[in-house]
């Protein structure tokens, strides 16, 4: 059950004095919408895979083992314990899951944006899988916590320990992932902070 959406949405709005997606949308020029979609939805998989491969082949055994243990613990603990405790669907699914029209403006904004229709198509696919109780690779709805942010953050920590420039790029990318998760309504800002 998605028991935490109302609490998370209320806390998010209280902390930011409005829904954070509104702030994110006000900060990014609409012309960059498609670029952010590519960075968030597609490049993320490439970044995760590239860092995993890089970590597997570094000669520093301690760093390699620390990274893989951290990666495994992040995925296991965040995907089970934290995810169950904070079970939520996120803003893009809120009205369908909780009811009402609290995030109707977000959906309308997505429909009118360059990359928004692709976000909504993906959300429809995930929601269809959820309602039909059909589990397919790449499906599932879960906002709290954001594994996108957690793994980008982990990669930034790891790459910072290996190379200064790679670390700076990775920290910038982790910030983009946090921003994009809120911008497209996949997550409450709290999902990324946690």
C-alpha atoms as a PDB file:
ATOM      1  CA  UNK A   1       0.000   0.000   0.000  1.00  0.00           C
ATOM      2  CA  UNK A   2       1.076   3.567  -0.652  1.00  0.00           C
ATOM      3  CA  UNK A   3       0.453   4.885   2.833  1.00  0.00           C
ATOM      4  CA  UNK A   4       2.972   7.749   2.865  1.00  0.00           C
ATOM      5  CA  UNK A   5       1.998   9.903  -0.131  1.00  0.00           C
ATOM      6  CA  UNK A   6      -0.210  12.348   1.744  1.00  0.00           C
ATOM      7  CA  UNK A   7       2.322  12.812   4.543  1.00  0.00           C
ATOM      8  CA  UNK A   8       5.253  13.215   2.153  1.00  0.00           C
ATOM      9  CA  UNK A   9       3.373  15.647  -0.104  1.00  0.00           C
ATOM     10  CA  UNK A  10       2.323  17.729   2.915  1.00  0.00           C
ATOM     11  CA  UNK A  11       5.843  17.725   4.378  1.00  0.00           C
ATOM     12  CA  UNK A  12       7.364  18.588   0.996  1.00  0.00           C
ATOM     13  CA  UNK A  13       5.021  21.552   0.562  1.00  0.00           C
ATOM     14  CA  UNK A  14       5.598  22.739   4.139  1.00  0.00           C
ATOM     15  CA  UNK A  15       9.400  22.604   3.876  1.00  0.00           C
ATOM     16  CA  UNK A  16       9.496  24.349   0.488  1.00  0.00           C
ATOM     17  CA  UNK A  17       6.458  26.639   1.038  1.00  0.00           C
ATOM     18  CA  UNK A  18       4.957  25.151  -2.119  1.00  0.00           C
ATOM     19  CA  UNK A  19       5.153  21.916  -4.075  1.00  0.00           C
ATOM     20  CA  UNK A  20       8.854  21.546  -5.017  1.00  0.00           C
ATOM     21  CA  UNK A  21       8.054  20.611  -8.620  1.00  0.00           C
ATOM     22  CA  UNK A  22       6.749  24.186  -9.051  1.00  0.00           C
ATOM     23  CA  UNK A  23      10.101  25.599  -7.938  1.00  0.00           C
ATOM     24  CA  UNK A  24      12.014  23.221 -10.209  1.00  0.00           C
ATOM     25  CA  UNK A  25       9.816  24.117 -13.174  1.00  0.00           C
ATOM     26  CA  UNK A  26      10.342  27.831 -12.507  1.00  0.00           C
ATOM     27  CA  UNK A  27      14.133  27.404 -12.459  1.00  0.00           C
ATOM     28  CA  UNK A  28      14.665  25.513 -15.706  1.00  0.00           C
ATOM     29  CA  UNK A  29      14.046  27.188 -19.056  1.00  0.00           C
ATOM     30  CA  UNK A  30      11.538  25.063 -21.013  1.00  0.00           C
ATOM     31  CA  UNK A  31      14.027  24.704 -23.873  1.00  0.00           C
ATOM     32  CA  UNK A  32      16.155  22.457 -21.599  1.00  0.00           C
ATOM     33  CA  UNK A  33      13.248  20.125 -20.769  1.00  0.00           C
ATOM     34  CA  UNK A  34      14.250  17.433 -23.281  1.00  0.00           C
ATOM     35  CA  UNK A  35      17.915  17.574 -22.263  1.00  0.00           C
ATOM     36  CA  UNK A  36      16.960  17.068 -18.614  1.00  0.00           C
ATOM     37  CA  UNK A  37      14.736  14.139 -19.608  1.00  0.00           C
ATOM     38  CA  UNK A  38      17.646  12.483 -21.408  1.00  0.00           C
ATOM     39  CA  UNK A  39      20.013  13.080 -18.485  1.00  0.00           C
ATOM     40  CA  UNK A  40      17.492  11.779 -15.944  1.00  0.00           C
ATOM     41  CA  UNK A  41      15.713   8.968 -17.749  1.00  0.00           C
ATOM     42  CA  UNK A  42      18.313   7.577 -20.105  1.00  0.00           C
ATOM     43  CA  UNK A  43      21.849   8.618 -19.164  1.00  0.00           C
ATOM     44  CA  UNK A  44      21.290   7.450 -15.569  1.00  0.00           C
ATOM     45  CA  UNK A  45      21.404   3.794 -16.640  1.00  0.00           C
ATOM     46  CA  UNK A  46      24.579   4.455 -18.616  1.00  0.00           C
ATOM     47  CA  UNK A  47      26.211   6.210 -15.657  1.00  0.00           C
ATOM     48  CA  UNK A  48      25.326   3.406 -13.244  1.00  0.00           C
ATOM     49  CA  UNK A  49      26.588   0.710 -15.617  1.00  0.00           C
ATOM     50  CA  UNK A  50      29.771   2.624 -16.467  1.00  0.00           C
ATOM     51  CA  UNK A  51      30.709   3.176 -12.833  1.00  0.00           C
ATOM     52  CA  UNK A  52      29.953  -0.466 -11.983  1.00  0.00           C
ATOM     53  CA  UNK A  53      32.255  -1.625 -14.790  1.00  0.00           C
ATOM     54  CA  UNK A  54      34.920   0.897 -13.813  1.00  0.00           C
ATOM     55  CA  UNK A  55      34.757  -0.203 -10.157  1.00  0.00           C
ATOM     56  CA  UNK A  56      35.030  -3.852 -11.144  1.00  0.00           C
ATOM     57  CA  UNK A  57      38.340  -3.288 -12.890  1.00  0.00           C
ATOM     58  CA  UNK A  58      40.181  -0.856 -10.629  1.00  0.00           C
ATOM     59  CA  UNK A  59      43.323  -2.251  -9.056  1.00  0.00           C
ATOM     60  CA  UNK A  60      42.596  -0.843  -5.581  1.00  0.00           C
ATOM     61  CA  UNK A  61      40.907  -3.836  -3.968  1.00  0.00           C
ATOM     62  CA  UNK A  62      39.737  -1.899  -0.875  1.00  0.00           C
ATOM     63  CA  UNK A  63      38.028   0.794  -2.966  1.00  0.00           C
ATOM     64  CA  UNK A  64      36.485  -1.817  -5.247  1.00  0.00           C
ATOM     65  CA  UNK A  65      35.093  -3.861  -2.353  1.00  0.00           C
ATOM     66  CA  UNK A  66      33.890  -0.774  -0.464  1.00  0.00           C
ATOM     67  CA  UNK A  67      32.043   0.428  -3.561  1.00  0.00           C
ATOM     68  CA  UNK A  68      30.344  -2.906  -4.255  1.00  0.00           C
ATOM     69  CA  UNK A  69      29.359  -3.435  -0.603  1.00  0.00           C
ATOM     70  CA  UNK A  70      27.981   0.121  -0.495  1.00  0.00           C
ATOM     71  CA  UNK A  71      26.137  -0.411  -3.768  1.00  0.00           C
ATOM     72  CA  UNK A  72      24.620  -3.699  -2.574  1.00  0.00           C
ATOM     73  CA  UNK A  73      23.632  -2.285   0.815  1.00  0.00           C
ATOM     74  CA  UNK A  74      22.111   0.805  -0.817  1.00  0.00           C
ATOM     75  CA  UNK A  75      20.008  -1.259  -3.172  1.00  0.00           C
ATOM     76  CA  UNK A  76      19.011  -3.886  -0.607  1.00  0.00           C
ATOM     77  CA  UNK A  77      18.284  -1.605   2.360  1.00  0.00           C
ATOM     78  CA  UNK A  78      16.708   1.235   0.406  1.00  0.00           C
ATOM     79  CA  UNK A  79      14.697  -1.121  -1.803  1.00  0.00           C
ATOM     80  CA  UNK A  80      13.297  -3.062   1.127  1.00  0.00           C
ATOM     81  CA  UNK A  81      13.389  -1.546   4.601  1.00  0.00           C
ATOM     82  CA  UNK A  82      13.156   2.161   3.728  1.00  0.00           C
ATOM     83  CA  UNK A  83      10.878   1.581   0.747  1.00  0.00           C
ATOM     84  CA  UNK A  84       8.362  -0.352   2.855  1.00  0.00           C
ATOM     85  CA  UNK A  85       8.462   2.197   5.696  1.00  0.00           C
ATOM     86  CA  UNK A  86       7.961   5.131   3.314  1.00  0.00           C
ATOM     87  CA  UNK A  87       5.816   3.417   0.700  1.00  0.00           C
ATOM     88  CA  UNK A  88       4.663   6.089  -1.721  1.00  0.00           C
ATOM     89  CA  UNK A  89       3.926   6.481  -5.400  1.00  0.00           C
ATOM     90  CA  UNK A  90       5.126  10.043  -5.979  1.00  0.00           C
ATOM     91  CA  UNK A  91       3.510  13.199  -7.355  1.00  0.00           C
ATOM     92  CA  UNK A  92       3.025  11.915 -10.918  1.00  0.00           C
ATOM     93  CA  UNK A  93       0.881   9.049  -9.555  1.00  0.00           C
ATOM     94  CA  UNK A  94      -0.627  10.853  -6.562  1.00  0.00           C
ATOM     95  CA  UNK A  95      -4.061  11.678  -7.970  1.00  0.00           C
ATOM     96  CA  UNK A  96      -4.505   8.166  -9.372  1.00  0.00           C
ATOM     97  CA  UNK A  97      -3.398   6.451  -6.172  1.00  0.00           C
ATOM     98  CA  UNK A  98      -4.681   8.780  -3.442  1.00  0.00           C
ATOM     99  CA  UNK A  99      -7.523  10.399  -5.370  1.00  0.00           C
ATOM    100  CA  UNK A 100      -8.427  14.012  -5.952  1.00  0.00           C
ATOM    101  CA  UNK A 101      -6.617  16.539  -8.097  1.00  0.00           C
ATOM    102  CA  UNK A 102      -3.797  17.748  -5.874  1.00  0.00           C
ATOM    103  CA  UNK A 103      -1.233  17.315  -8.672  1.00  0.00           C
ATOM    104  CA  UNK A 104      -3.479  18.153 -11.630  1.00  0.00           C
ATOM    105  CA  UNK A 105      -1.317  21.220 -12.350  1.00  0.00           C
ATOM    106  CA  UNK A 106       1.776  19.009 -12.548  1.00  0.00           C
ATOM    107  CA  UNK A 107       0.078  16.686 -15.027  1.00  0.00           C
ATOM    108  CA  UNK A 108      -1.126  19.649 -17.119  1.00  0.00           C
ATOM    109  CA  UNK A 109       2.381  21.138 -17.071  1.00  0.00           C
ATOM    110  CA  UNK A 110       3.888  17.831 -18.160  1.00  0.00           C
ATOM    111  CA  UNK A 111       1.371  17.511 -21.000  1.00  0.00           C
ATOM    112  CA  UNK A 112       2.333  20.977 -22.254  1.00  0.00           C
ATOM    113  CA  UNK A 113       6.104  20.510 -22.033  1.00  0.00           C
ATOM    114  CA  UNK A 114       8.577  19.039 -24.515  1.00  0.00           C
ATOM    115  CA  UNK A 115       9.522  15.915 -22.541  1.00  0.00           C
ATOM    116  CA  UNK A 116       6.430  15.722 -20.361  1.00  0.00           C
ATOM    117  CA  UNK A 117       4.455  13.492 -22.723  1.00  0.00           C
ATOM    118  CA  UNK A 118       7.278  10.918 -22.609  1.00  0.00           C
ATOM    119  CA  UNK A 119       7.221  11.085 -18.808  1.00  0.00           C
ATOM    120  CA  UNK A 120       3.451  10.608 -18.795  1.00  0.00           C
ATOM    121  CA  UNK A 121       3.654   7.715 -21.274  1.00  0.00           C
ATOM    122  CA  UNK A 122       6.127   5.981 -18.992  1.00  0.00           C
ATOM    123  CA  UNK A 123       3.953   6.693 -15.942  1.00  0.00           C
ATOM    124  CA  UNK A 124       0.933   5.246 -17.778  1.00  0.00           C
ATOM    125  CA  UNK A 125       2.930   2.112 -18.590  1.00  0.00           C
ATOM    126  CA  UNK A 126       4.010   1.706 -14.957  1.00  0.00           C
ATOM    127  CA  UNK A 127       0.500   2.391 -13.664  1.00  0.00           C
ATOM    128  CA  UNK A 128      -1.002  -0.131 -16.092  1.00  0.00           C
ATOM    129  CA  UNK A 129       1.445  -2.762 -14.866  1.00  0.00           C
ATOM    130  CA  UNK A 130       0.559  -1.870 -11.269  1.00  0.00           C
ATOM    131  CA  UNK A 131      -3.225  -2.030 -11.756  1.00  0.00           C
ATOM    132  CA  UNK A 132      -3.066  -5.260 -13.760  1.00  0.00           C
ATOM    133  CA  UNK A 133      -0.698  -6.736 -11.153  1.00  0.00           C
ATOM    134  CA  UNK A 134       1.598  -7.703 -14.005  1.00  0.00           C
ATOM    135  CA  UNK A 135       5.264  -7.607 -13.108  1.00  0.00           C
ATOM    136  CA  UNK A 136       7.521  -6.986 -16.062  1.00  0.00           C
ATOM    137  CA  UNK A 137      11.192  -6.040 -16.063  1.00  0.00           C
ATOM    138  CA  UNK A 138      11.482  -2.311 -15.463  1.00  0.00           C
ATOM    139  CA  UNK A 139       8.088  -1.895 -13.857  1.00  0.00           C
ATOM    140  CA  UNK A 140       7.109  -0.985 -10.345  1.00  0.00           C
ATOM    141  CA  UNK A 141       6.032   2.172  -8.603  1.00  0.00           C
ATOM    142  CA  UNK A 142       7.993   3.397  -5.636  1.00  0.00           C
ATOM    143  CA  UNK A 143       8.999   6.939  -4.789  1.00  0.00           C
ATOM    144  CA  UNK A 144      10.482   6.803  -1.281  1.00  0.00           C
ATOM    145  CA  UNK A 145      13.454   6.692  -1.274  1.00  0.00           C
ATOM    146  CA  UNK A 146      14.805   7.672  -4.658  1.00  0.00           C
ATOM    147  CA  UNK A 147      17.225   5.006  -5.863  1.00  0.00           C
ATOM    148  CA  UNK A 148      18.037   7.276  -8.808  1.00  0.00           C
ATOM    149  CA  UNK A 149      19.380   9.860  -6.359  1.00  0.00           C
ATOM    150  CA  UNK A 150      20.923   7.352  -3.942  1.00  0.00           C
ATOM    151  CA  UNK A 151      22.990   5.596  -6.596  1.00  0.00           C
ATOM    152  CA  UNK A 152      24.032   8.853  -8.294  1.00  0.00           C
ATOM    153  CA  UNK A 153      25.098  10.104  -4.833  1.00  0.00           C
ATOM    154  CA  UNK A 154      27.022   6.874  -4.151  1.00  0.00           C
ATOM    155  CA  UNK A 155      28.770   7.171  -7.520  1.00  0.00           C
ATOM    156  CA  UNK A 156      29.684  10.788  -6.736  1.00  0.00           C
ATOM    157  CA  UNK A 157      31.227   9.729  -3.414  1.00  0.00           C
ATOM    158  CA  UNK A 158      33.143   6.927  -5.098  1.00  0.00           C
ATOM    159  CA  UNK A 159      34.378   8.919  -8.087  1.00  0.00           C
ATOM    160  CA  UNK A 160      35.408  11.821  -5.826  1.00  0.00           C
ATOM    161  CA  UNK A 161      37.699   9.447  -3.993  1.00  0.00           C
ATOM    162  CA  UNK A 162      39.279   8.358  -7.276  1.00  0.00           C
ATOM    163  CA  UNK A 163      39.676  11.542  -9.304  1.00  0.00           C
ATOM    164  CA  UNK A 164      38.912  15.206  -8.583  1.00  0.00           C
ATOM    165  CA  UNK A 165      37.443  16.104 -12.001  1.00  0.00           C
ATOM    166  CA  UNK A 166      35.413  12.881 -12.229  1.00  0.00           C
ATOM    167  CA  UNK A 167      34.098  13.629  -8.740  1.00  0.00           C
ATOM    168  CA  UNK A 168      33.009  17.140  -9.692  1.00  0.00           C
ATOM    169  CA  UNK A 169      31.220  15.839 -12.760  1.00  0.00           C
ATOM    170  CA  UNK A 170      29.572  13.087 -10.698  1.00  0.00           C
ATOM    171  CA  UNK A 171      28.408  15.544  -8.011  1.00  0.00           C
ATOM    172  CA  UNK A 172      26.944  17.795 -10.697  1.00  0.00           C
ATOM    173  CA  UNK A 173      25.183  14.804 -12.202  1.00  0.00           C
ATOM    174  CA  UNK A 174      23.828  13.712  -8.787  1.00  0.00           C
ATOM    175  CA  UNK A 175      22.373  17.223  -8.390  1.00  0.00           C
ATOM    176  CA  UNK A 176      20.806  16.972 -11.852  1.00  0.00           C
ATOM    177  CA  UNK A 177      19.240  13.638 -10.908  1.00  0.00           C
ATOM    178  CA  UNK A 178      17.755  15.071  -7.700  1.00  0.00           C
ATOM    179  CA  UNK A 179      16.467  18.091  -9.626  1.00  0.00           C
ATOM    180  CA  UNK A 180      15.037  15.960 -12.463  1.00  0.00           C
ATOM    181  CA  UNK A 181      13.287  13.591 -10.066  1.00  0.00           C
ATOM    182  CA  UNK A 182      11.322  16.536  -8.677  1.00  0.00           C
ATOM    183  CA  UNK A 183      10.983  18.400 -11.993  1.00  0.00           C
ATOM    184  CA  UNK A 184       9.237  15.479 -13.691  1.00  0.00           C
ATOM    185  CA  UNK A 185       7.162  14.586 -10.618  1.00  0.00           C
ATOM    186  CA  UNK A 186       8.601  11.124 -10.090  1.00  0.00           C
ATOM    187  CA  UNK A 187       9.603  11.975  -6.544  1.00  0.00           C
ATOM    188  CA  UNK A 188       8.899  14.281  -3.660  1.00  0.00           C
ATOM    189  CA  UNK A 189      12.036  16.279  -2.864  1.00  0.00           C
ATOM    190  CA  UNK A 190      12.154  14.421   0.465  1.00  0.00           C
ATOM    191  CA  UNK A 191      12.630  11.132  -1.404  1.00  0.00           C
ATOM    192  CA  UNK A 192      15.942  12.432  -2.687  1.00  0.00           C
ATOM    193  CA  UNK A 193      17.004  14.108   0.545  1.00  0.00           C
ATOM    194  CA  UNK A 194      16.491  10.882   2.473  1.00  0.00           C
END
